[in-house]
Amino acid sequence: MKLIARFLLIRVLVAVPVVLGILFFTFMLIRIGNQDPVAMLAGPGADAPMLAMIRGQLDLDRPLLDQFITYVGRLLRGDLGVSWQGSK
């Protein structure tokens, strides 16, 4: 029984950094993409104050590390957020 418990513990301990790595990778892919999600949301006629307001509402005006920590915290609570495209 101890062998199985040890095996499961090692698997869980290995899975945590793997999941965090995958989350970080996908988070960074979205952030370094070619298009600005705020500009896509606001449309082509948006001015700078409107873009700044939307960035503030989506917390995109904060440093990347803060955004990632908030992202992971919300994921752990089951909050997947609002879609950037559909606003749902």
PDB file of N, CA and C in Angstrom:
ATOM      1  N   MET A   1       0.819  -1.193   0.000  1.00  0.00           N
ATOM      2  CA  MET A   1       0.000   0.000   0.000  1.00  0.00           C
ATOM      3  C   MET A   1       0.864   1.260   0.000  1.00  0.00           C
ATOM      4  N   LYS A   2       1.993   1.226   0.712  1.00  0.00           N
ATOM      5  CA  LYS A   2       2.873   2.383   0.758  1.00  0.00           C
ATOM      6  C   LYS A   2       3.468   2.669  -0.609  1.00  0.00           C
ATOM      7  N   LEU A   3       3.705   1.633  -1.383  1.00  0.00           N
ATOM      8  CA  LEU A   3       4.276   1.802  -2.713  1.00  0.00           C
ATOM      9  C   LEU A   3       3.302   2.547  -3.631  1.00  0.00           C
ATOM     10  N   ILE A   4       2.049   2.207  -3.546  1.00  0.00           N
ATOM     11  CA  ILE A   4       1.029   2.872  -4.362  1.00  0.00           C
ATOM     12  C   ILE A   4       0.875   4.334  -3.933  1.00  0.00           C
ATOM     13  N   ALA A   5       0.849   4.589  -2.641  1.00  0.00           N
ATOM     14  CA  ALA A   5       0.715   5.956  -2.143  1.00  0.00           C
ATOM     15  C   ALA A   5       1.909   6.808  -2.579  1.00  0.00           C
ATOM     16  N   ARG A   6       3.097   6.231  -2.511  1.00  0.00           N
ATOM     17  CA  ARG A   6       4.293   6.968  -2.929  1.00  0.00           C
ATOM     18  C   ARG A   6       4.241   7.263  -4.424  1.00  0.00           C
ATOM     19  N   PHE A   7       3.828   6.272  -5.208  1.00  0.00           N
ATOM     20  CA  PHE A   7       3.706   6.448  -6.650  1.00  0.00           C
ATOM     21  C   PHE A   7       2.733   7.576  -6.988  1.00  0.00           C
ATOM     22  N   LEU A   8       1.569   7.563  -6.333  1.00  0.00           N
ATOM     23  CA  LEU A   8       0.566   8.598  -6.582  1.00  0.00           C
ATOM     24  C   LEU A   8       1.050   9.976  -6.149  1.00  0.00           C
ATOM     25  N   LEU A   9       1.744  10.042  -5.027  1.00  0.00           N
ATOM     26  CA  LEU A   9       2.284  11.310  -4.559  1.00  0.00           C
ATOM     27  C   LEU A   9       3.289  11.887  -5.561  1.00  0.00           C
ATOM     28  N   ILE A  10       4.161  11.039  -6.070  1.00  0.00           N
ATOM     29  CA  ILE A  10       5.143  11.495  -7.061  1.00  0.00           C
ATOM     30  C   ILE A  10       4.437  11.973  -8.328  1.00  0.00           C
ATOM     31  N   ARG A  11       3.430  11.258  -8.755  1.00  0.00           N
ATOM     32  CA  ARG A  11       2.678  11.658  -9.960  1.00  0.00           C
ATOM     33  C   ARG A  11       2.015  13.020  -9.770  1.00  0.00           C
ATOM     34  N   VAL A  12       1.428  13.240  -8.622  1.00  0.00           N
ATOM     35  CA  VAL A  12       0.774  14.527  -8.354  1.00  0.00           C
ATOM     36  C   VAL A  12       1.809  15.643  -8.285  1.00  0.00           C
ATOM     37  N   LEU A  13       2.941  15.377  -7.625  1.00  0.00           N
ATOM     38  CA  LEU A  13       3.982  16.392  -7.514  1.00  0.00           C
ATOM     39  C   LEU A  13       4.597  16.741  -8.874  1.00  0.00           C
ATOM     40  N   VAL A  14       4.651  15.795  -9.775  1.00  0.00           N
ATOM     41  CA  VAL A  14       5.153  16.055 -11.121  1.00  0.00           C
ATOM     42  C   VAL A  14       4.091  16.775 -11.956  1.00  0.00           C
ATOM     43  N   ALA A  15       2.837  16.459 -11.738  1.00  0.00           N
ATOM     44  CA  ALA A  15       1.759  17.042 -12.535  1.00  0.00           C
ATOM     45  C   ALA A  15       1.595  18.536 -12.271  1.00  0.00           C
ATOM     46  N   VAL A  16       1.834  18.993 -11.060  1.00  0.00           N
ATOM     47  CA  VAL A  16       1.627  20.399 -10.726  1.00  0.00           C
ATOM     48  C   VAL A  16       2.498  21.320 -11.578  1.00  0.00           C
ATOM     49  N   PRO A  17       3.820  21.121 -11.659  1.00  0.00           N
ATOM     50  CA  PRO A  17       4.606  22.014 -12.511  1.00  0.00           C
ATOM     51  C   PRO A  17       4.283  21.859 -14.005  1.00  0.00           C
ATOM     52  N   VAL A  18       3.900  20.660 -14.410  1.00  0.00           N
ATOM     53  CA  VAL A  18       3.539  20.466 -15.820  1.00  0.00           C
ATOM     54  C   VAL A  18       2.301  21.279 -16.157  1.00  0.00           C
ATOM     55  N   VAL A  19       1.295  21.229 -15.313  1.00  0.00           N
ATOM     56  CA  VAL A  19       0.064  22.000 -15.548  1.00  0.00           C
ATOM     57  C   VAL A  19       0.357  23.494 -15.499  1.00  0.00           C
ATOM     58  N   LEU A  20       1.162  23.940 -14.542  1.00  0.00           N
ATOM     59  CA  LEU A  20       1.532  25.358 -14.489  1.00  0.00           C
ATOM     60  C   LEU A  20       2.302  25.783 -15.734  1.00  0.00           C
ATOM     61  N   GLY A  21       3.171  24.916 -16.232  1.00  0.00           N
ATOM     62  CA  GLY A  21       3.913  25.218 -17.457  1.00  0.00           C
ATOM     63  C   GLY A  21       2.994  25.344 -18.660  1.00  0.00           C
ATOM     64  N   ILE A  22       2.030  24.454 -18.777  1.00  0.00           N
ATOM     65  CA  ILE A  22       1.071  24.519 -19.883  1.00  0.00           C
ATOM     66  C   ILE A  22       0.232  25.785 -19.775  1.00  0.00           C
ATOM     67  N   LEU A  23      -0.217  26.115 -18.566  1.00  0.00           N
ATOM     68  CA  LEU A  23      -0.981  27.346 -18.372  1.00  0.00           C
ATOM     69  C   LEU A  23      -0.170  28.574 -18.762  1.00  0.00           C
ATOM     70  N   PHE A  24       1.099  28.611 -18.341  1.00  0.00           N
ATOM     71  CA  PHE A  24       1.955  29.748 -18.666  1.00  0.00           C
ATOM     72  C   PHE A  24       2.188  29.846 -20.171  1.00  0.00           C
ATOM     73  N   PHE A  25       2.415  28.709 -20.819  1.00  0.00           N
ATOM     74  CA  PHE A  25       2.653  28.695 -22.259  1.00  0.00           C
ATOM     75  C   PHE A  25       1.439  29.227 -23.020  1.00  0.00           C
ATOM     76  N   THR A  26       0.253  28.740 -22.687  1.00  0.00           N
ATOM     77  CA  THR A  26      -0.948  29.202 -23.388  1.00  0.00           C
ATOM     78  C   THR A  26      -1.241  30.667 -23.064  1.00  0.00           C
ATOM     79  N   PHE A  27      -1.000  31.073 -21.828  1.00  0.00           N
ATOM     80  CA  PHE A  27      -1.196  32.465 -21.434  1.00  0.00           C
ATOM     81  C   PHE A  27      -0.294  33.377 -22.268  1.00  0.00           C
ATOM     82  N   MET A  28       0.968  32.993 -22.409  1.00  0.00           N
ATOM     83  CA  MET A  28       1.907  33.814 -23.169  1.00  0.00           C
ATOM     84  C   MET A  28       1.594  33.807 -24.659  1.00  0.00           C
ATOM     85  N   LEU A  29       1.120  32.704 -25.203  1.00  0.00           N
ATOM     86  CA  LEU A  29       0.731  32.665 -26.611  1.00  0.00           C
ATOM     87  C   LEU A  29      -0.357  33.685 -26.903  1.00  0.00           C
ATOM     88  N   ILE A  30      -1.308  33.786 -26.006  1.00  0.00           N
ATOM     89  CA  ILE A  30      -2.400  34.750 -26.191  1.00  0.00           C
ATOM     90  C   ILE A  30      -1.861  36.170 -26.090  1.00  0.00           C
ATOM     91  N   ARG A  31      -0.957  36.416 -25.161  1.00  0.00           N
ATOM     92  CA  ARG A  31      -0.464  37.774 -24.921  1.00  0.00           C
ATOM     93  C   ARG A  31       0.498  38.270 -25.994  1.00  0.00           C
ATOM     94  N   ILE A  32       1.266  37.363 -26.619  1.00  0.00           N
ATOM     95  CA  ILE A  32       2.251  37.823 -27.599  1.00  0.00           C
ATOM     96  C   ILE A  32       1.757  37.676 -29.033  1.00  0.00           C
ATOM     97  N   GLY A  33       0.487  37.415 -29.194  1.00  0.00           N
ATOM     98  CA  GLY A  33      -0.079  37.301 -30.529  1.00  0.00           C
ATOM     99  C   GLY A  33       0.029  38.613 -31.299  1.00  0.00           C
ATOM    100  N   ASN A  34      -0.188  38.538 -32.578  1.00  0.00           N
ATOM    101  CA  ASN A  34      -0.071  39.701 -33.456  1.00  0.00           C
ATOM    102  C   ASN A  34      -1.120  40.766 -33.189  1.00  0.00           C
ATOM    103  N   GLN A  35      -2.322  40.350 -32.870  1.00  0.00           N
ATOM    104  CA  GLN A  35      -3.412  41.305 -32.722  1.00  0.00           C
ATOM    105  C   GLN A  35      -3.607  41.699 -31.265  1.00  0.00           C
ATOM    106  N   ASP A  36      -3.971  42.945 -31.091  1.00  0.00           N
ATOM    107  CA  ASP A  36      -4.284  43.465 -29.764  1.00  0.00           C
ATOM    108  C   ASP A  36      -5.743  43.133 -29.458  1.00  0.00           C
ATOM    109  N   PRO A  37      -6.013  42.343 -28.415  1.00  0.00           N
ATOM    110  CA  PRO A  37      -7.406  41.980 -28.123  1.00  0.00           C
ATOM    111  C   PRO A  37      -8.260  43.192 -27.793  1.00  0.00           C
ATOM    112  N   VAL A  38      -7.665  44.227 -27.221  1.00  0.00           N
ATOM    113  CA  VAL A  38      -8.419  45.432 -26.887  1.00  0.00           C
ATOM    114  C   VAL A  38      -8.853  46.139 -28.162  1.00  0.00           C
ATOM    115  N   ALA A  39      -7.972  46.233 -29.139  1.00  0.00           N
ATOM    116  CA  ALA A  39      -8.320  46.869 -30.415  1.00  0.00           C
ATOM    117  C   ALA A  39      -9.396  46.064 -31.131  1.00  0.00           C
ATOM    118  N   MET A  40      -9.346  44.729 -31.013  1.00  0.00           N
ATOM    119  CA  MET A  40     -10.388  43.904 -31.637  1.00  0.00           C
ATOM    120  C   MET A  40     -11.736  44.148 -30.966  1.00  0.00           C
ATOM    121  N   LEU A  41     -11.742  44.263 -29.648  1.00  0.00           N
ATOM    122  CA  LEU A  41     -12.992  44.502 -28.920  1.00  0.00           C
ATOM    123  C   LEU A  41     -13.582  45.877 -29.226  1.00  0.00           C
ATOM    124  N   ALA A  42     -12.723  46.886 -29.243  1.00  0.00           N
ATOM    125  CA  ALA A  42     -13.192  48.255 -29.377  1.00  0.00           C
ATOM    126  C   ALA A  42     -13.604  48.593 -30.804  1.00  0.00           C
ATOM    127  N   GLY A  43     -13.029  47.927 -31.771  1.00  0.00           N
ATOM    128  CA  GLY A  43     -13.342  48.214 -33.161  1.00  0.00           C
ATOM    129  C   GLY A  43     -12.372  49.219 -33.749  1.00  0.00           C
ATOM    130  N   PRO A  44     -12.476  49.417 -35.053  1.00  0.00           N
ATOM    131  CA  PRO A  44     -11.492  50.273 -35.739  1.00  0.00           C
ATOM    132  C   PRO A  44     -11.608  51.758 -35.405  1.00  0.00           C
ATOM    133  N   GLY A  45     -12.748  52.218 -34.930  1.00  0.00           N
ATOM    134  CA  GLY A  45     -12.928  53.641 -34.673  1.00  0.00           C
ATOM    135  C   GLY A  45     -12.616  54.073 -33.248  1.00  0.00           C
ATOM    136  N   ALA A  46     -12.042  53.198 -32.448  1.00  0.00           N
ATOM    137  CA  ALA A  46     -11.799  53.511 -31.035  1.00  0.00           C
ATOM    138  C   ALA A  46     -10.600  54.437 -30.888  1.00  0.00           C
ATOM    139  N   ASP A  47     -10.741  55.381 -29.961  1.00  0.00           N
ATOM    140  CA  ASP A  47      -9.637  56.297 -29.692  1.00  0.00           C
ATOM    141  C   ASP A  47      -8.823  55.788 -28.495  1.00  0.00           C
ATOM    142  N   ALA A  48      -7.721  56.471 -28.201  1.00  0.00           N
ATOM    143  CA  ALA A  48      -6.806  56.035 -27.138  1.00  0.00           C
ATOM    144  C   ALA A  48      -7.469  55.962 -25.761  1.00  0.00           C
ATOM    145  N   PRO A  49      -8.297  56.947 -25.361  1.00  0.00           N
ATOM    146  CA  PRO A  49      -8.942  56.830 -24.040  1.00  0.00           C
ATOM    147  C   PRO A  49      -9.874  55.617 -23.931  1.00  0.00           C
ATOM    148  N   MET A  50     -10.557  55.288 -25.022  1.00  0.00           N
ATOM    149  CA  MET A  50     -11.445  54.123 -25.019  1.00  0.00           C
ATOM    150  C   MET A  50     -10.626  52.837 -24.872  1.00  0.00           C
ATOM    151  N   LEU A  51      -9.501  52.752 -25.587  1.00  0.00           N
ATOM    152  CA  LEU A  51      -8.630  51.579 -25.479  1.00  0.00           C
ATOM    153  C   LEU A  51      -8.069  51.444 -24.067  1.00  0.00           C
ATOM    154  N   ALA A  52      -7.676  52.566 -23.463  1.00  0.00           N
ATOM    155  CA  ALA A  52      -7.139  52.545 -22.097  1.00  0.00           C
ATOM    156  C   ALA A  52      -8.212  52.094 -21.100  1.00  0.00           C
ATOM    157  N   MET A  53      -9.441  52.524 -21.307  1.00  0.00           N
ATOM    158  CA  MET A  53     -10.532  52.135 -20.411  1.00  0.00           C
ATOM    159  C   MET A  53     -10.785  50.622 -20.487  1.00  0.00           C
ATOM    160  N   ILE A  54     -10.791  50.090 -21.706  1.00  0.00           N
ATOM    161  CA  ILE A  54     -11.025  48.650 -21.876  1.00  0.00           C
ATOM    162  C   ILE A  54      -9.870  47.849 -21.288  1.00  0.00           C
ATOM    163  N   ARG A  55      -8.633  48.321 -21.493  1.00  0.00           N
ATOM    164  CA  ARG A  55      -7.475  47.637 -20.900  1.00  0.00           C
ATOM    165  C   ARG A  55      -7.598  47.585 -19.376  1.00  0.00           C
ATOM    166  N   GLY A  56      -8.064  48.684 -18.786  1.00  0.00           N
ATOM    167  CA  GLY A  56      -8.252  48.719 -17.338  1.00  0.00           C
ATOM    168  C   GLY A  56      -9.331  47.761 -16.873  1.00  0.00           C
ATOM    169  N   GLN A  57     -10.423  47.668 -17.625  1.00  0.00           N
ATOM    170  CA  GLN A  57     -11.518  46.776 -17.254  1.00  0.00           C
ATOM    171  C   GLN A  57     -11.100  45.308 -17.333  1.00  0.00           C
ATOM    172  N   LEU A  58     -10.244  44.979 -18.291  1.00  0.00           N
ATOM    173  CA  LEU A  58      -9.801  43.595 -18.470  1.00  0.00           C
ATOM    174  C   LEU A  58      -8.509  43.285 -17.716  1.00  0.00           C
ATOM    175  N   ASP A  59      -8.008  44.247 -16.957  1.00  0.00           N
ATOM    176  CA  ASP A  59      -6.753  44.110 -16.196  1.00  0.00           C
ATOM    177  C   ASP A  59      -5.545  43.873 -17.104  1.00  0.00           C
ATOM    178  N   LEU A  60      -5.616  44.334 -18.345  1.00  0.00           N
ATOM    179  CA  LEU A  60      -4.499  44.170 -19.269  1.00  0.00           C
ATOM    180  C   LEU A  60      -3.479  45.287 -19.136  1.00  0.00           C
ATOM    181  N   ASP A  61      -3.730  46.224 -18.242  1.00  0.00           N
ATOM    182  CA  ASP A  61      -2.785  47.315 -18.016  1.00  0.00           C
ATOM    183  C   ASP A  61      -1.803  46.980 -16.893  1.00  0.00           C
ATOM    184  N   ARG A  62      -1.936  45.809 -16.309  1.00  0.00           N
ATOM    185  CA  ARG A  62      -1.045  45.368 -15.231  1.00  0.00           C
ATOM    186  C   ARG A  62       0.123  44.568 -15.797  1.00  0.00           C
ATOM    187  N   PRO A  63       1.211  44.397 -15.040  1.00  0.00           N
ATOM    188  CA  PRO A  63       2.345  43.589 -15.520  1.00  0.00           C
ATOM    189  C   PRO A  63       1.923  42.149 -15.810  1.00  0.00           C
ATOM    190  N   LEU A  64       2.642  41.507 -16.725  1.00  0.00           N
ATOM    191  CA  LEU A  64       2.295  40.143 -17.146  1.00  0.00           C
ATOM    192  C   LEU A  64       2.267  39.152 -15.989  1.00  0.00           C
ATOM    193  N   LEU A  65       3.208  39.261 -15.077  1.00  0.00           N
ATOM    194  CA  LEU A  65       3.235  38.324 -13.953  1.00  0.00           C
ATOM    195  C   LEU A  65       1.979  38.476 -13.093  1.00  0.00           C
ATOM    196  N   ASP A  66       1.556  39.705 -12.842  1.00  0.00           N
ATOM    197  CA  ASP A  66       0.317  39.934 -12.081  1.00  0.00           C
ATOM    198  C   ASP A  66      -0.885  39.366 -12.830  1.00  0.00           C
ATOM    199  N   GLN A  67      -0.913  39.571 -14.145  1.00  0.00           N
ATOM    200  CA  GLN A  67      -2.011  39.038 -14.950  1.00  0.00           C
ATOM    201  C   GLN A  67      -2.046  37.510 -14.866  1.00  0.00           C
ATOM    202  N   PHE A  68      -0.870  36.881 -14.920  1.00  0.00           N
ATOM    203  CA  PHE A  68      -0.809  35.418 -14.873  1.00  0.00           C
ATOM    204  C   PHE A  68      -1.264  34.885 -13.526  1.00  0.00           C
ATOM    205  N   ILE A  69      -0.833  35.518 -12.456  1.00  0.00           N
ATOM    206  CA  ILE A  69      -1.239  35.086 -11.111  1.00  0.00           C
ATOM    207  C   ILE A  69      -2.747  35.223 -10.940  1.00  0.00           C
ATOM    208  N   THR A  70      -3.298  36.324 -11.422  1.00  0.00           N
ATOM    209  CA  THR A  70      -4.751  36.522 -11.361  1.00  0.00           C
ATOM    210  C   THR A  70      -5.464  35.463 -12.196  1.00  0.00           C
ATOM    211  N   TYR A  71      -4.926  35.185 -13.371  1.00  0.00           N
ATOM    212  CA  TYR A  71      -5.489  34.176 -14.276  1.00  0.00           C
ATOM    213  C   TYR A  71      -5.546  32.799 -13.611  1.00  0.00           C
ATOM    214  N   VAL A  72      -4.444  32.374 -13.009  1.00  0.00           N
ATOM    215  CA  VAL A  72      -4.394  31.065 -12.350  1.00  0.00           C
ATOM    216  C   VAL A  72      -5.333  31.045 -11.139  1.00  0.00           C
ATOM    217  N   GLY A  73      -5.353  32.124 -10.366  1.00  0.00           N
ATOM    218  CA  GLY A  73      -6.251  32.188  -9.215  1.00  0.00           C
ATOM    219  C   GLY A  73      -7.710  32.069  -9.607  1.00  0.00           C
ATOM    220  N   ARG A  74      -8.073  32.746 -10.684  1.00  0.00           N
ATOM    221  CA  ARG A  74      -9.460  32.657 -11.154  1.00  0.00           C
ATOM    222  C   ARG A  74      -9.773  31.271 -11.703  1.00  0.00           C
ATOM    223  N   LEU A  75      -8.802  30.666 -12.382  1.00  0.00           N
ATOM    224  CA  LEU A  75      -9.018  29.306 -12.889  1.00  0.00           C
ATOM    225  C   LEU A  75      -9.259  28.326 -11.744  1.00  0.00           C
ATOM    226  N   LEU A  76      -8.513  28.474 -10.659  1.00  0.00           N
ATOM    227  CA  LEU A  76      -8.681  27.583  -9.513  1.00  0.00           C
ATOM    228  C   LEU A  76     -10.061  27.726  -8.879  1.00  0.00           C
ATOM    229  N   ARG A  77     -10.656  28.905  -9.005  1.00  0.00           N
ATOM    230  CA  ARG A  77     -12.014  29.117  -8.486  1.00  0.00           C
ATOM    231  C   ARG A  77     -13.096  28.759  -9.501  1.00  0.00           C
ATOM    232  N   GLY A  78     -12.673  28.367 -10.719  1.00  0.00           N
ATOM    233  CA  GLY A  78     -13.643  28.004 -11.748  1.00  0.00           C
ATOM    234  C   GLY A  78     -14.126  29.182 -12.558  1.00  0.00           C
ATOM    235  N   ASP A  79     -13.512  30.344 -12.408  1.00  0.00           N
ATOM    236  CA  ASP A  79     -13.902  31.542 -13.145  1.00  0.00           C
ATOM    237  C   ASP A  79     -13.077  31.610 -14.421  1.00  0.00           C
ATOM    238  N   LEU A  80     -13.699  31.310 -15.552  1.00  0.00           N
ATOM    239  CA  LEU A  80     -12.993  31.331 -16.823  1.00  0.00           C
ATOM    240  C   LEU A  80     -13.048  32.705 -17.481  1.00  0.00           C
ATOM    241  N   GLY A  81     -13.699  33.650 -16.853  1.00  0.00           N
ATOM    242  CA  GLY A  81     -13.704  35.020 -17.350  1.00  0.00           C
ATOM    243  C   GLY A  81     -14.702  35.259 -18.456  1.00  0.00           C
ATOM    244  N   VAL A  82     -14.535  36.412 -19.083  1.00  0.00           N
ATOM    245  CA  VAL A  82     -15.417  36.847 -20.167  1.00  0.00           C
ATOM    246  C   VAL A  82     -14.669  36.677 -21.477  1.00  0.00           C
ATOM    247  N   SER A  83     -15.355  36.148 -22.476  1.00  0.00           N
ATOM    248  CA  SER A  83     -14.750  35.971 -23.787  1.00  0.00           C
ATOM    249  C   SER A  83     -14.408  37.315 -24.405  1.00  0.00           C
ATOM    250  N   TRP A  84     -13.220  37.418 -24.973  1.00  0.00           N
ATOM    251  CA  TRP A  84     -12.818  38.663 -25.618  1.00  0.00           C
ATOM    252  C   TRP A  84     -13.586  38.878 -26.905  1.00  0.00           C
ATOM    253  N   GLN A  85     -14.006  37.809 -27.551  1.00  0.00           N
ATOM    254  CA  GLN A  85     -14.684  37.953 -28.835  1.00  0.00           C
ATOM    255  C   GLN A  85     -16.186  38.064 -28.668  1.00  0.00           C
ATOM    256  N   GLY A  86     -16.769  37.222 -27.862  1.00  0.00           N
ATOM    257  CA  GLY A  86     -18.221  37.203 -27.729  1.00  0.00           C
ATOM    258  C   GLY A  86     -18.738  38.007 -26.551  1.00  0.00           C
ATOM    259  N   SER A  87     -17.863  38.456 -25.670  1.00  0.00           N
ATOM    260  CA  SER A  87     -18.230  39.193 -24.448  1.00  0.00           C
ATOM    261  C   SER A  87     -19.258  38.427 -23.614  1.00  0.00           C
ATOM    262  N   LYS A  88     -19.156  37.111 -23.578  1.00  0.00           N
ATOM    263  CA  LYS A  88     -20.071  36.290 -22.786  1.00  0.00           C
ATOM    264  C   LYS A  88     -19.340  35.670 -21.631  1.00  0.00           C
TER     265      LYS A  88
END
